[in-house]
Amino acid sequence: MSKKLPIYFSEGAWTSLQTLMGQDGKPSPTINTLLEQISMQTDLIDKLGLTPILPKSKTSIPMALERIPAGPAFATKDDLDTTVDLNEYLIHNPISSFMARVDSESMLGAGLEIDDPIIIDRSIEAAHQDIVVALIDNKDSTIKRLMITAKMSKNDIKEIFGDEDYPLPKLWLKAENPAYEHIIPADNQTVVIWGVVTFNLKRMHYRS
């Protein structure tokens, strides 16, 4: 790998570059692996029909100071003392956020209906009971609730499966619709958490 480049490298930087690229100037297995992962992610985004989120505008709308009960009370203009920007409220990490539409009724109990637009954030570390987008065997995608067995009590397990000693792996995916089965991976299956669902942008009003 020639050092004759139109920029200056310190000895330390040059050594690091050689380690990454290889003495013959070809990408090392490390670089190739990273490139393959990027390619796979791009293919996956296309396959899932995800839309990258790129906030380009800033629009603030009034926000009521008081919470609104599900009754006759409502906020007046005097109660509107602050504003909220929807980009900032909905999207905490634009680079790692995507939108997709729900394509299953397996999460009806969590309020997710077919065609609901959801926001997925890949930068969030998934936790017990988060609703996530997961990949089964790196090919089949699904939206389910992440369940970490170590975080569950025996009563929790019994309530779901009818047996507090029901054998479960370290993590599994819970459906929120009794018509659908939970996804309990076998020993030879892989489950990769691709992102955490942060918002459901369900439409509540349709114009005729």
N, C-alpha and C. Protein backbone atom coordinates (compact mmCIF):
# COMPACT_ATOMS: atom_id res chain seq x y z
N MET A 1 0.85 -1.20 0.00
CA MET A 1 0.00 0.00 0.00
C MET A 1 0.88 1.24 0.00
N SER A 2 0.79 2.06 -1.02
CA SER A 2 1.66 3.21 -1.16
C SER A 2 1.32 4.29 -0.16
N LYS A 3 2.37 4.97 0.34
CA LYS A 3 2.17 6.07 1.26
C LYS A 3 2.13 7.40 0.52
N LYS A 4 2.24 7.35 -0.83
CA LYS A 4 2.25 8.58 -1.62
C LYS A 4 0.83 9.06 -1.85
N LEU A 5 0.32 9.79 -0.88
CA LEU A 5 -1.02 10.35 -0.97
C LEU A 5 -0.92 11.86 -0.78
N PRO A 6 -1.85 12.63 -1.37
CA PRO A 6 -1.77 14.09 -1.29
C PRO A 6 -2.19 14.65 0.06
N ILE A 7 -2.16 13.84 1.12
CA ILE A 7 -2.43 14.32 2.47
C ILE A 7 -1.41 13.69 3.40
N TYR A 8 -1.23 14.29 4.56
CA TYR A 8 -0.23 13.83 5.50
C TYR A 8 -0.85 12.93 6.56
N PHE A 9 -0.22 11.79 6.83
CA PHE A 9 -0.63 10.89 7.88
C PHE A 9 0.47 10.83 8.93
N SER A 10 0.09 10.90 10.19
CA SER A 10 1.07 10.64 11.24
C SER A 10 1.41 9.16 11.20
N GLU A 11 2.53 8.78 11.85
CA GLU A 11 2.91 7.38 11.84
C GLU A 11 1.83 6.50 12.47
N GLY A 12 1.22 7.01 13.57
CA GLY A 12 0.18 6.23 14.24
C GLY A 12 -1.04 6.05 13.35
N ALA A 13 -1.45 7.14 12.68
CA ALA A 13 -2.61 7.07 11.80
C ALA A 13 -2.33 6.16 10.61
N TRP A 14 -1.08 6.25 10.09
CA TRP A 14 -0.73 5.42 8.93
C TRP A 14 -0.74 3.94 9.30
N THR A 15 -0.24 3.62 10.48
CA THR A 15 -0.25 2.23 10.94
C THR A 15 -1.67 1.71 11.07
N SER A 16 -2.56 2.54 11.63
CA SER A 16 -3.96 2.14 11.78
C SER A 16 -4.61 1.93 10.42
N LEU A 17 -4.30 2.83 9.47
CA LEU A 17 -4.88 2.71 8.13
C LEU A 17 -4.40 1.44 7.45
N GLN A 18 -3.11 1.11 7.60
CA GLN A 18 -2.59 -0.11 7.00
C GLN A 18 -3.25 -1.34 7.61
N THR A 19 -3.50 -1.29 8.93
CA THR A 19 -4.16 -2.41 9.60
C THR A 19 -5.54 -2.64 9.03
N LEU A 20 -6.27 -1.55 8.78
CA LEU A 20 -7.62 -1.66 8.26
C LEU A 20 -7.64 -2.09 6.80
N MET A 21 -6.77 -1.48 5.99
CA MET A 21 -6.82 -1.71 4.55
C MET A 21 -5.97 -2.88 4.09
N GLY A 22 -4.96 -3.27 4.88
CA GLY A 22 -4.08 -4.35 4.47
C GLY A 22 -2.87 -3.80 3.73
N GLN A 23 -1.76 -4.52 3.80
CA GLN A 23 -0.52 -4.05 3.19
C GLN A 23 -0.63 -3.92 1.68
N ASP A 24 -1.48 -4.74 1.05
CA ASP A 24 -1.60 -4.70 -0.41
C ASP A 24 -2.64 -3.70 -0.89
N GLY A 25 -3.20 -2.93 0.06
CA GLY A 25 -4.16 -1.90 -0.34
C GLY A 25 -5.58 -2.40 -0.50
N LYS A 26 -5.81 -3.69 -0.23
CA LYS A 26 -7.16 -4.23 -0.35
C LYS A 26 -7.86 -4.16 1.00
N PRO A 27 -9.17 -3.98 0.99
CA PRO A 27 -9.89 -3.91 2.27
C PRO A 27 -9.69 -5.18 3.09
N SER A 28 -9.51 -5.00 4.39
CA SER A 28 -9.34 -6.14 5.28
C SER A 28 -10.69 -6.80 5.52
N PRO A 29 -10.69 -8.01 6.10
CA PRO A 29 -11.97 -8.67 6.43
C PRO A 29 -12.86 -7.80 7.30
N THR A 30 -12.24 -6.97 8.17
CA THR A 30 -13.03 -6.09 9.04
C THR A 30 -13.83 -5.10 8.20
N ILE A 31 -13.16 -4.45 7.25
CA ILE A 31 -13.83 -3.49 6.38
C ILE A 31 -14.89 -4.19 5.54
N ASN A 32 -14.54 -5.35 4.99
CA ASN A 32 -15.50 -6.08 4.17
C ASN A 32 -16.75 -6.44 4.97
N THR A 33 -16.56 -6.84 6.22
CA THR A 33 -17.69 -7.19 7.07
C THR A 33 -18.60 -5.98 7.29
N LEU A 34 -17.98 -4.82 7.54
CA LEU A 34 -18.77 -3.61 7.74
C LEU A 34 -19.55 -3.25 6.48
N LEU A 35 -18.90 -3.37 5.33
CA LEU A 35 -19.58 -3.06 4.07
C LEU A 35 -20.74 -4.02 3.82
N GLU A 36 -20.53 -5.30 4.15
CA GLU A 36 -21.60 -6.28 3.97
C GLU A 36 -22.78 -5.95 4.88
N GLN A 37 -22.48 -5.53 6.13
CA GLN A 37 -23.55 -5.19 7.06
C GLN A 37 -24.34 -3.99 6.56
N ILE A 38 -23.63 -2.98 6.04
CA ILE A 38 -24.31 -1.80 5.50
C ILE A 38 -25.20 -2.20 4.34
N SER A 39 -24.68 -3.07 3.46
CA SER A 39 -25.46 -3.53 2.31
C SER A 39 -26.70 -4.28 2.76
N MET A 40 -26.54 -5.14 3.79
CA MET A 40 -27.67 -5.91 4.30
C MET A 40 -28.72 -4.99 4.89
N GLN A 41 -28.28 -3.94 5.63
CA GLN A 41 -29.23 -3.02 6.23
C GLN A 41 -30.01 -2.29 5.16
N THR A 42 -29.33 -1.88 4.07
CA THR A 42 -30.01 -1.18 2.98
C THR A 42 -31.05 -2.09 2.34
N ASP A 43 -30.66 -3.34 2.08
CA ASP A 43 -31.61 -4.30 1.50
C ASP A 43 -32.79 -4.52 2.43
N LEU A 44 -32.51 -4.59 3.73
CA LEU A 44 -33.57 -4.83 4.70
C LEU A 44 -34.54 -3.67 4.75
N ILE A 45 -34.01 -2.45 4.72
CA ILE A 45 -34.87 -1.26 4.74
C ILE A 45 -35.80 -1.27 3.54
N ASP A 46 -35.25 -1.64 2.37
CA ASP A 46 -36.09 -1.73 1.17
C ASP A 46 -37.13 -2.84 1.31
N LYS A 47 -36.71 -3.98 1.86
CA LYS A 47 -37.61 -5.13 1.99
C LYS A 47 -38.77 -4.81 2.93
N LEU A 48 -38.48 -4.11 4.03
CA LEU A 48 -39.51 -3.80 5.01
C LEU A 48 -40.37 -2.61 4.60
N GLY A 49 -39.97 -1.93 3.54
CA GLY A 49 -40.72 -0.76 3.12
C GLY A 49 -40.59 0.40 4.09
N LEU A 50 -39.42 0.51 4.73
CA LEU A 50 -39.20 1.57 5.70
C LEU A 50 -38.90 2.89 5.01
N THR A 51 -39.31 3.97 5.64
CA THR A 51 -39.05 5.30 5.12
C THR A 51 -38.16 6.05 6.09
N PRO A 52 -36.93 6.41 5.69
CA PRO A 52 -36.07 7.19 6.59
C PRO A 52 -36.73 8.51 6.95
N ILE A 53 -36.50 8.97 8.17
CA ILE A 53 -37.10 10.22 8.63
C ILE A 53 -36.06 11.32 8.57
N LEU A 54 -36.33 12.33 7.76
CA LEU A 54 -35.42 13.46 7.59
C LEU A 54 -36.18 14.75 7.85
N PRO A 55 -36.21 15.22 9.09
CA PRO A 55 -36.95 16.45 9.40
C PRO A 55 -36.38 17.64 8.62
N LYS A 56 -37.24 18.30 7.85
CA LYS A 56 -36.79 19.44 7.06
C LYS A 56 -37.51 20.73 7.46
N SER A 57 -38.52 20.61 8.28
CA SER A 57 -39.28 21.81 8.66
C SER A 57 -39.45 21.85 10.17
N LYS A 58 -39.84 23.02 10.65
CA LYS A 58 -40.07 23.19 12.08
C LYS A 58 -41.40 23.91 12.25
N THR A 59 -42.38 23.21 12.77
CA THR A 59 -43.70 23.78 13.00
C THR A 59 -44.12 23.53 14.43
N SER A 60 -44.39 24.59 15.16
CA SER A 60 -44.81 24.45 16.55
C SER A 60 -46.31 24.66 16.66
N ILE A 61 -46.96 23.85 17.47
CA ILE A 61 -48.40 23.99 17.69
C ILE A 61 -48.65 24.17 19.18
N PRO A 62 -49.74 24.86 19.56
CA PRO A 62 -50.02 25.08 20.98
C PRO A 62 -50.26 23.76 21.71
N MET A 63 -49.85 23.73 22.97
CA MET A 63 -50.04 22.55 23.79
C MET A 63 -50.74 22.96 25.08
N ALA A 64 -51.80 22.24 25.43
CA ALA A 64 -52.55 22.56 26.65
C ALA A 64 -51.73 22.24 27.88
N LEU A 65 -51.80 23.12 28.87
CA LEU A 65 -51.07 22.89 30.12
C LEU A 65 -51.73 21.79 30.94
N GLU A 66 -53.05 21.73 30.89
CA GLU A 66 -53.78 20.75 31.69
C GLU A 66 -54.03 19.48 30.88
N ARG A 67 -54.04 18.36 31.59
CA ARG A 67 -54.42 17.10 30.94
C ARG A 67 -55.92 17.13 30.67
N ILE A 68 -56.34 16.51 29.57
CA ILE A 68 -57.75 16.53 29.18
C ILE A 68 -58.38 15.19 29.52
N PRO A 69 -59.38 15.18 30.40
CA PRO A 69 -60.04 13.92 30.75
C PRO A 69 -60.95 13.47 29.61
N ALA A 70 -61.31 12.19 29.63
CA ALA A 70 -62.21 11.66 28.61
C ALA A 70 -63.64 11.96 29.00
N GLY A 71 -63.92 13.23 29.18
CA GLY A 71 -65.25 13.68 29.58
C GLY A 71 -65.56 15.01 28.92
N PRO A 72 -66.50 15.77 29.45
CA PRO A 72 -66.92 17.01 28.80
C PRO A 72 -65.95 18.17 28.94
N ALA A 73 -65.01 18.11 29.90
CA ALA A 73 -64.09 19.23 30.10
C ALA A 73 -63.14 19.36 28.92
N PHE A 74 -62.71 20.59 28.64
CA PHE A 74 -61.77 20.81 27.55
C PHE A 74 -60.94 22.05 27.85
N ALA A 75 -59.82 22.18 27.14
CA ALA A 75 -58.92 23.31 27.37
C ALA A 75 -59.44 24.56 26.66
N THR A 76 -59.19 25.71 27.25
CA THR A 76 -59.54 26.99 26.63
C THR A 76 -58.26 27.67 26.18
N LYS A 77 -58.40 28.79 25.49
CA LYS A 77 -57.22 29.51 25.01
C LYS A 77 -56.32 29.94 26.16
N ASP A 78 -56.93 30.22 27.32
CA ASP A 78 -56.13 30.66 28.47
C ASP A 78 -55.22 29.55 28.98
N ASP A 79 -55.56 28.30 28.65
CA ASP A 79 -54.76 27.17 29.13
C ASP A 79 -53.59 26.86 28.20
N LEU A 80 -53.55 27.48 27.02
CA LEU A 80 -52.52 27.19 26.03
C LEU A 80 -51.36 28.14 26.23
N ASP A 81 -50.37 27.70 27.00
CA ASP A 81 -49.29 28.59 27.39
C ASP A 81 -47.93 28.13 26.87
N THR A 82 -47.91 27.08 26.08
CA THR A 82 -46.63 26.59 25.56
C THR A 82 -46.86 25.97 24.19
N THR A 83 -45.79 25.71 23.49
CA THR A 83 -45.89 25.07 22.18
C THR A 83 -44.97 23.86 22.13
N VAL A 84 -45.24 22.99 21.18
CA VAL A 84 -44.40 21.80 21.01
C VAL A 84 -44.11 21.63 19.52
N ASP A 85 -42.86 21.32 19.21
CA ASP A 85 -42.47 21.02 17.84
C ASP A 85 -42.58 19.51 17.65
N LEU A 86 -43.39 19.09 16.68
CA LEU A 86 -43.65 17.66 16.51
C LEU A 86 -42.40 16.89 16.09
N ASN A 87 -41.51 17.52 15.33
CA ASN A 87 -40.27 16.84 14.96
C ASN A 87 -39.47 16.48 16.21
N GLU A 88 -39.34 17.45 17.11
CA GLU A 88 -38.56 17.21 18.32
C GLU A 88 -39.26 16.22 19.25
N TYR A 89 -40.59 16.28 19.27
CA TYR A 89 -41.35 15.40 20.17
C TYR A 89 -41.34 13.95 19.70
N LEU A 90 -41.48 13.76 18.38
CA LEU A 90 -41.62 12.41 17.85
C LEU A 90 -40.29 11.76 17.48
N ILE A 91 -39.30 12.57 17.12
CA ILE A 91 -38.06 12.02 16.56
C ILE A 91 -36.88 12.48 17.39
N HIS A 92 -36.36 11.61 18.22
CA HIS A 92 -35.23 11.96 19.06
C HIS A 92 -33.90 11.72 18.35
N ASN A 93 -33.87 10.76 17.44
CA ASN A 93 -32.64 10.41 16.73
C ASN A 93 -32.95 10.27 15.24
N PRO A 94 -32.96 11.39 14.51
CA PRO A 94 -33.37 11.34 13.09
C PRO A 94 -32.59 10.35 12.24
N ILE A 95 -31.28 10.25 12.47
CA ILE A 95 -30.45 9.38 11.63
C ILE A 95 -30.85 7.92 11.77
N SER A 96 -31.31 7.54 12.96
CA SER A 96 -31.61 6.12 13.21
C SER A 96 -33.11 5.85 13.27
N SER A 97 -33.92 6.80 12.82
CA SER A 97 -35.38 6.64 12.90
C SER A 97 -35.99 6.38 11.53
N PHE A 98 -37.00 5.53 11.53
CA PHE A 98 -37.69 5.16 10.30
C PHE A 98 -39.19 5.09 10.55
N MET A 99 -39.95 5.19 9.46
CA MET A 99 -41.39 4.98 9.54
C MET A 99 -41.75 3.73 8.75
N ALA A 100 -42.75 3.01 9.23
CA ALA A 100 -43.25 1.84 8.53
C ALA A 100 -44.73 1.71 8.84
N ARG A 101 -45.41 0.84 8.12
CA ARG A 101 -46.83 0.60 8.38
C ARG A 101 -47.02 -0.83 8.90
N VAL A 102 -47.91 -0.96 9.85
CA VAL A 102 -48.20 -2.27 10.44
C VAL A 102 -48.91 -3.13 9.39
N ASP A 103 -48.52 -4.40 9.32
CA ASP A 103 -49.09 -5.29 8.31
C ASP A 103 -49.62 -6.58 8.94
N SER A 104 -50.06 -6.49 10.19
CA SER A 104 -50.56 -7.68 10.88
C SER A 104 -51.48 -7.23 12.01
N GLU A 105 -52.36 -8.13 12.44
CA GLU A 105 -53.24 -7.83 13.58
C GLU A 105 -52.73 -8.48 14.86
N SER A 106 -51.48 -8.92 14.86
CA SER A 106 -50.96 -9.64 16.03
C SER A 106 -50.75 -8.75 17.24
N MET A 107 -50.79 -7.42 17.04
CA MET A 107 -50.58 -6.49 18.16
C MET A 107 -51.79 -5.61 18.41
N LEU A 108 -52.97 -6.12 18.09
CA LEU A 108 -54.20 -5.34 18.28
C LEU A 108 -54.38 -4.92 19.73
N GLY A 109 -54.01 -5.80 20.65
CA GLY A 109 -54.17 -5.49 22.07
C GLY A 109 -53.30 -4.34 22.53
N ALA A 110 -52.27 -4.02 21.75
CA ALA A 110 -51.40 -2.88 22.07
C ALA A 110 -51.79 -1.66 21.26
N GLY A 111 -52.92 -1.75 20.54
CA GLY A 111 -53.40 -0.61 19.78
C GLY A 111 -52.83 -0.48 18.38
N LEU A 112 -52.13 -1.50 17.89
CA LEU A 112 -51.55 -1.44 16.55
C LEU A 112 -52.46 -2.17 15.57
N GLU A 113 -53.02 -1.42 14.63
CA GLU A 113 -53.89 -1.99 13.62
C GLU A 113 -53.20 -1.96 12.26
N ILE A 114 -53.71 -2.75 11.34
CA ILE A 114 -53.14 -2.79 10.00
C ILE A 114 -53.16 -1.40 9.38
N ASP A 115 -52.04 -1.03 8.78
CA ASP A 115 -51.82 0.26 8.11
C ASP A 115 -51.50 1.40 9.07
N ASP A 116 -51.47 1.15 10.37
CA ASP A 116 -51.04 2.21 11.29
C ASP A 116 -49.59 2.58 10.99
N PRO A 117 -49.28 3.88 10.85
CA PRO A 117 -47.88 4.28 10.65
C PRO A 117 -47.17 4.34 12.01
N ILE A 118 -46.02 3.72 12.08
CA ILE A 118 -45.27 3.70 13.34
C ILE A 118 -43.88 4.27 13.12
N ILE A 119 -43.29 4.78 14.19
CA ILE A 119 -41.92 5.26 14.16
C ILE A 119 -41.04 4.25 14.88
N ILE A 120 -39.94 3.89 14.24
CA ILE A 120 -39.00 2.91 14.79
C ILE A 120 -37.66 3.60 15.00
N ASP A 121 -37.11 3.46 16.19
CA ASP A 121 -35.81 4.06 16.50
C ASP A 121 -34.80 2.95 16.75
N ARG A 122 -33.77 2.90 15.92
CA ARG A 122 -32.76 1.84 16.02
C ARG A 122 -31.69 2.15 17.06
N SER A 123 -31.64 3.38 17.56
CA SER A 123 -30.59 3.75 18.50
C SER A 123 -30.94 3.39 19.94
N ILE A 124 -32.20 3.01 20.18
CA ILE A 124 -32.64 2.70 21.54
C ILE A 124 -32.34 1.24 21.86
N GLU A 125 -31.77 1.00 23.02
CA GLU A 125 -31.53 -0.37 23.46
C GLU A 125 -32.85 -0.95 23.97
N ALA A 126 -33.30 -2.02 23.34
CA ALA A 126 -34.60 -2.60 23.69
C ALA A 126 -34.59 -3.14 25.11
N ALA A 127 -35.69 -2.93 25.81
CA ALA A 127 -35.83 -3.40 27.18
C ALA A 127 -37.05 -4.31 27.28
N HIS A 128 -37.17 -4.97 28.41
CA HIS A 128 -38.29 -5.88 28.66
C HIS A 128 -39.62 -5.17 28.44
N GLN A 129 -40.49 -5.78 27.64
CA GLN A 129 -41.84 -5.34 27.32
C GLN A 129 -41.90 -4.20 26.31
N ASP A 130 -40.77 -3.80 25.75
CA ASP A 130 -40.81 -2.84 24.65
C ASP A 130 -41.45 -3.50 23.43
N ILE A 131 -42.15 -2.72 22.63
CA ILE A 131 -42.63 -3.22 21.34
C ILE A 131 -41.51 -2.99 20.34
N VAL A 132 -41.13 -4.05 19.65
CA VAL A 132 -39.94 -4.00 18.80
C VAL A 132 -40.23 -4.55 17.41
N VAL A 133 -39.35 -4.19 16.49
CA VAL A 133 -39.29 -4.85 15.19
C VAL A 133 -38.15 -5.86 15.29
N ALA A 134 -38.44 -7.12 15.05
CA ALA A 134 -37.44 -8.17 15.20
C ALA A 134 -37.29 -8.95 13.90
N LEU A 135 -36.11 -9.50 13.72
CA LEU A 135 -35.83 -10.35 12.57
C LEU A 135 -35.65 -11.79 13.05
N ILE A 136 -36.38 -12.69 12.44
CA ILE A 136 -36.27 -14.11 12.78
C ILE A 136 -35.38 -14.77 11.73
N ASP A 137 -34.29 -15.37 12.18
CA ASP A 137 -33.32 -16.00 11.28
C ASP A 137 -32.84 -15.02 10.21
N ASN A 138 -32.78 -13.75 10.58
CA ASN A 138 -32.24 -12.69 9.72
C ASN A 138 -32.99 -12.52 8.40
N LYS A 139 -34.27 -12.93 8.36
CA LYS A 139 -35.01 -12.78 7.10
C LYS A 139 -36.47 -12.41 7.31
N ASP A 140 -37.14 -13.00 8.28
CA ASP A 140 -38.55 -12.72 8.50
C ASP A 140 -38.70 -11.64 9.56
N SER A 141 -39.42 -10.58 9.23
CA SER A 141 -39.60 -9.48 10.17
C SER A 141 -40.96 -9.57 10.87
N THR A 142 -41.01 -9.05 12.08
CA THR A 142 -42.26 -9.08 12.84
C THR A 142 -42.25 -7.95 13.86
N ILE A 143 -43.44 -7.50 14.24
CA ILE A 143 -43.59 -6.54 15.33
C ILE A 143 -44.23 -7.28 16.50
N LYS A 144 -43.54 -7.31 17.61
CA LYS A 144 -44.04 -8.00 18.80
C LYS A 144 -43.53 -7.29 20.05
N ARG A 145 -43.99 -7.76 21.20
CA ARG A 145 -43.50 -7.23 22.47
C ARG A 145 -42.34 -8.10 22.95
N LEU A 146 -41.21 -7.46 23.21
CA LEU A 146 -40.03 -8.19 23.67
C LEU A 146 -40.21 -8.63 25.12
N MET A 147 -40.04 -9.91 25.35
CA MET A 147 -40.15 -10.45 26.70
C MET A 147 -38.81 -11.06 27.11
N ILE A 148 -38.28 -10.60 28.23
CA ILE A 148 -37.03 -11.14 28.77
C ILE A 148 -37.41 -12.00 29.97
N THR A 149 -37.19 -13.29 29.84
CA THR A 149 -37.69 -14.25 30.83
C THR A 149 -37.19 -13.94 32.24
N ALA A 150 -35.94 -13.50 32.36
CA ALA A 150 -35.38 -13.21 33.68
C ALA A 150 -36.10 -12.05 34.38
N LYS A 151 -36.81 -11.24 33.61
CA LYS A 151 -37.54 -10.10 34.18
C LYS A 151 -38.97 -10.47 34.57
N MET A 152 -39.36 -11.72 34.32
CA MET A 152 -40.73 -12.15 34.58
C MET A 152 -40.82 -12.94 35.87
N SER A 153 -41.94 -12.78 36.58
CA SER A 153 -42.19 -13.59 37.76
C SER A 153 -42.87 -14.89 37.35
N LYS A 154 -42.91 -15.84 38.26
CA LYS A 154 -43.60 -17.10 37.97
C LYS A 154 -45.08 -16.86 37.70
N ASN A 155 -45.66 -15.89 38.40
CA ASN A 155 -47.07 -15.57 38.17
C ASN A 155 -47.29 -15.00 36.76
N ASP A 156 -46.33 -14.18 36.30
CA ASP A 156 -46.42 -13.64 34.94
C ASP A 156 -46.44 -14.78 33.91
N ILE A 157 -45.53 -15.73 34.10
CA ILE A 157 -45.43 -16.85 33.16
C ILE A 157 -46.69 -17.71 33.21
N LYS A 158 -47.19 -17.94 34.42
CA LYS A 158 -48.39 -18.76 34.58
C LYS A 158 -49.60 -18.09 33.94
N GLU A 159 -49.69 -16.78 34.07
CA GLU A 159 -50.82 -16.05 33.50
C GLU A 159 -50.86 -16.16 31.98
N ILE A 160 -49.69 -16.23 31.36
CA ILE A 160 -49.62 -16.30 29.90
C ILE A 160 -49.74 -17.72 29.39
N PHE A 161 -49.03 -18.66 30.06
CA PHE A 161 -48.94 -20.03 29.53
C PHE A 161 -49.69 -21.07 30.36
N GLY A 162 -50.21 -20.66 31.52
CA GLY A 162 -50.94 -21.61 32.36
C GLY A 162 -50.05 -22.50 33.19
N ASP A 163 -48.74 -22.28 33.14
CA ASP A 163 -47.79 -23.12 33.87
C ASP A 163 -46.60 -22.24 34.26
N GLU A 164 -46.38 -22.07 35.55
CA GLU A 164 -45.30 -21.20 36.00
C GLU A 164 -43.92 -21.74 35.65
N ASP A 165 -43.84 -23.04 35.34
CA ASP A 165 -42.57 -23.66 34.97
C ASP A 165 -42.45 -23.89 33.47
N TYR A 166 -43.26 -23.19 32.70
CA TYR A 166 -43.22 -23.35 31.25
C TYR A 166 -41.81 -23.02 30.75
N PRO A 167 -41.21 -23.92 29.97
CA PRO A 167 -39.82 -23.69 29.52
C PRO A 167 -39.73 -22.56 28.50
N LEU A 168 -38.92 -21.57 28.80
CA LEU A 168 -38.77 -20.42 27.91
C LEU A 168 -37.30 -20.10 27.71
N PRO A 169 -36.94 -19.61 26.52
CA PRO A 169 -35.56 -19.15 26.30
C PRO A 169 -35.34 -17.81 27.00
N LYS A 170 -34.14 -17.27 26.87
CA LYS A 170 -33.82 -16.01 27.56
C LYS A 170 -34.72 -14.88 27.11
N LEU A 171 -35.05 -14.85 25.82
CA LEU A 171 -35.98 -13.84 25.33
C LEU A 171 -36.92 -14.45 24.30
N TRP A 172 -38.11 -13.89 24.22
CA TRP A 172 -39.10 -14.35 23.24
C TRP A 172 -40.00 -13.18 22.90
N LEU A 173 -40.88 -13.37 21.93
CA LEU A 173 -41.69 -12.28 21.40
C LEU A 173 -43.17 -12.57 21.64
N LYS A 174 -43.82 -11.64 22.31
CA LYS A 174 -45.21 -11.83 22.73
C LYS A 174 -46.17 -11.14 21.77
N ALA A 175 -47.15 -11.88 21.30
CA ALA A 175 -48.23 -11.30 20.50
C ALA A 175 -49.27 -10.71 21.44
N GLU A 176 -49.92 -9.65 21.00
CA GLU A 176 -50.97 -9.02 21.81
C GLU A 176 -52.33 -9.23 21.16
N ASN A 177 -52.55 -10.46 20.73
CA ASN A 177 -53.81 -10.86 20.12
C ASN A 177 -53.92 -12.37 20.30
N PRO A 178 -54.94 -12.85 21.02
CA PRO A 178 -55.04 -14.29 21.29
C PRO A 178 -55.17 -15.15 20.03
N ALA A 179 -55.49 -14.53 18.90
CA ALA A 179 -55.60 -15.29 17.65
C ALA A 179 -54.22 -15.59 17.05
N TYR A 180 -53.18 -14.99 17.61
CA TYR A 180 -51.83 -15.19 17.09
C TYR A 180 -50.95 -15.85 18.15
N GLU A 181 -50.03 -16.67 17.69
CA GLU A 181 -49.11 -17.34 18.61
C GLU A 181 -47.93 -16.44 18.96
N HIS A 182 -47.43 -16.63 20.17
CA HIS A 182 -46.19 -15.96 20.55
C HIS A 182 -45.04 -16.60 19.76
N ILE A 183 -43.97 -15.85 19.59
CA ILE A 183 -42.79 -16.40 18.91
C ILE A 183 -41.77 -16.78 19.96
N ILE A 184 -41.62 -18.08 20.15
CA ILE A 184 -40.66 -18.60 21.11
C ILE A 184 -39.57 -19.30 20.31
N PRO A 185 -38.43 -18.65 20.14
CA PRO A 185 -37.40 -19.21 19.25
C PRO A 185 -36.85 -20.55 19.73
N ALA A 186 -36.64 -21.44 18.77
CA ALA A 186 -36.01 -22.72 19.06
C ALA A 186 -34.50 -22.51 19.21
N ASP A 187 -33.82 -23.56 19.64
CA ASP A 187 -32.37 -23.45 19.87
C ASP A 187 -31.61 -23.09 18.59
N ASN A 188 -32.14 -23.52 17.45
CA ASN A 188 -31.44 -23.28 16.19
C ASN A 188 -31.93 -22.02 15.47
N GLN A 189 -32.75 -21.22 16.14
CA GLN A 189 -33.24 -19.99 15.55
C GLN A 189 -32.54 -18.78 16.15
N THR A 190 -32.46 -17.71 15.35
CA THR A 190 -31.89 -16.46 15.85
C THR A 190 -32.96 -15.37 15.83
N VAL A 191 -32.93 -14.53 16.84
CA VAL A 191 -33.82 -13.38 16.92
C VAL A 191 -32.96 -12.14 17.10
N VAL A 192 -33.07 -11.21 16.17
CA VAL A 192 -32.32 -9.96 16.24
C VAL A 192 -33.30 -8.82 16.39
N ILE A 193 -33.11 -8.01 17.42
CA ILE A 193 -33.97 -6.85 17.63
C ILE A 193 -33.46 -5.72 16.73
N TRP A 194 -34.26 -5.36 15.73
CA TRP A 194 -33.83 -4.39 14.73
C TRP A 194 -34.09 -2.96 15.18
N GLY A 195 -35.13 -2.74 15.96
CA GLY A 195 -35.43 -1.39 16.42
C GLY A 195 -36.60 -1.41 17.39
N VAL A 196 -36.77 -0.29 18.09
CA VAL A 196 -37.84 -0.15 19.08
C VAL A 196 -38.92 0.77 18.51
N VAL A 197 -40.17 0.33 18.62
CA VAL A 197 -41.30 1.16 18.17
C VAL A 197 -41.55 2.23 19.24
N THR A 198 -41.45 3.49 18.84
CA THR A 198 -41.59 4.58 19.80
C THR A 198 -42.94 5.28 19.74
N PHE A 199 -43.54 5.34 18.55
CA PHE A 199 -44.83 6.02 18.41
C PHE A 199 -45.70 5.30 17.39
N ASN A 200 -47.00 5.34 17.64
CA ASN A 200 -48.00 4.91 16.67
C ASN A 200 -48.76 6.16 16.24
N LEU A 201 -48.63 6.53 14.97
CA LEU A 201 -49.26 7.76 14.47
C LEU A 201 -50.63 7.43 13.88
N LYS A 202 -51.45 6.83 14.71
CA LYS A 202 -52.78 6.39 14.26
C LYS A 202 -53.65 7.59 13.88
N ARG A 203 -54.28 7.51 12.72
CA ARG A 203 -55.18 8.56 12.27
C ARG A 203 -56.53 8.40 12.96
N MET A 204 -57.05 9.46 13.53
CA MET A 204 -58.31 9.39 14.27
C MET A 204 -59.48 10.03 13.52
N HIS A 205 -59.19 10.76 12.45
CA HIS A 205 -60.26 11.42 11.70
C HIS A 205 -60.02 11.24 10.21
N TYR A 206 -61.06 10.84 9.50
CA TYR A 206 -60.98 10.65 8.06
C TYR A 206 -62.00 11.55 7.38
N ARG A 207 -61.52 12.35 6.45
CA ARG A 207 -62.45 13.19 5.71
C ARG A 207 -63.20 12.35 4.69
N SER A 208 -64.47 12.66 4.49
CA SER A 208 -65.28 11.92 3.53
C SER A 208 -64.97 12.38 2.11
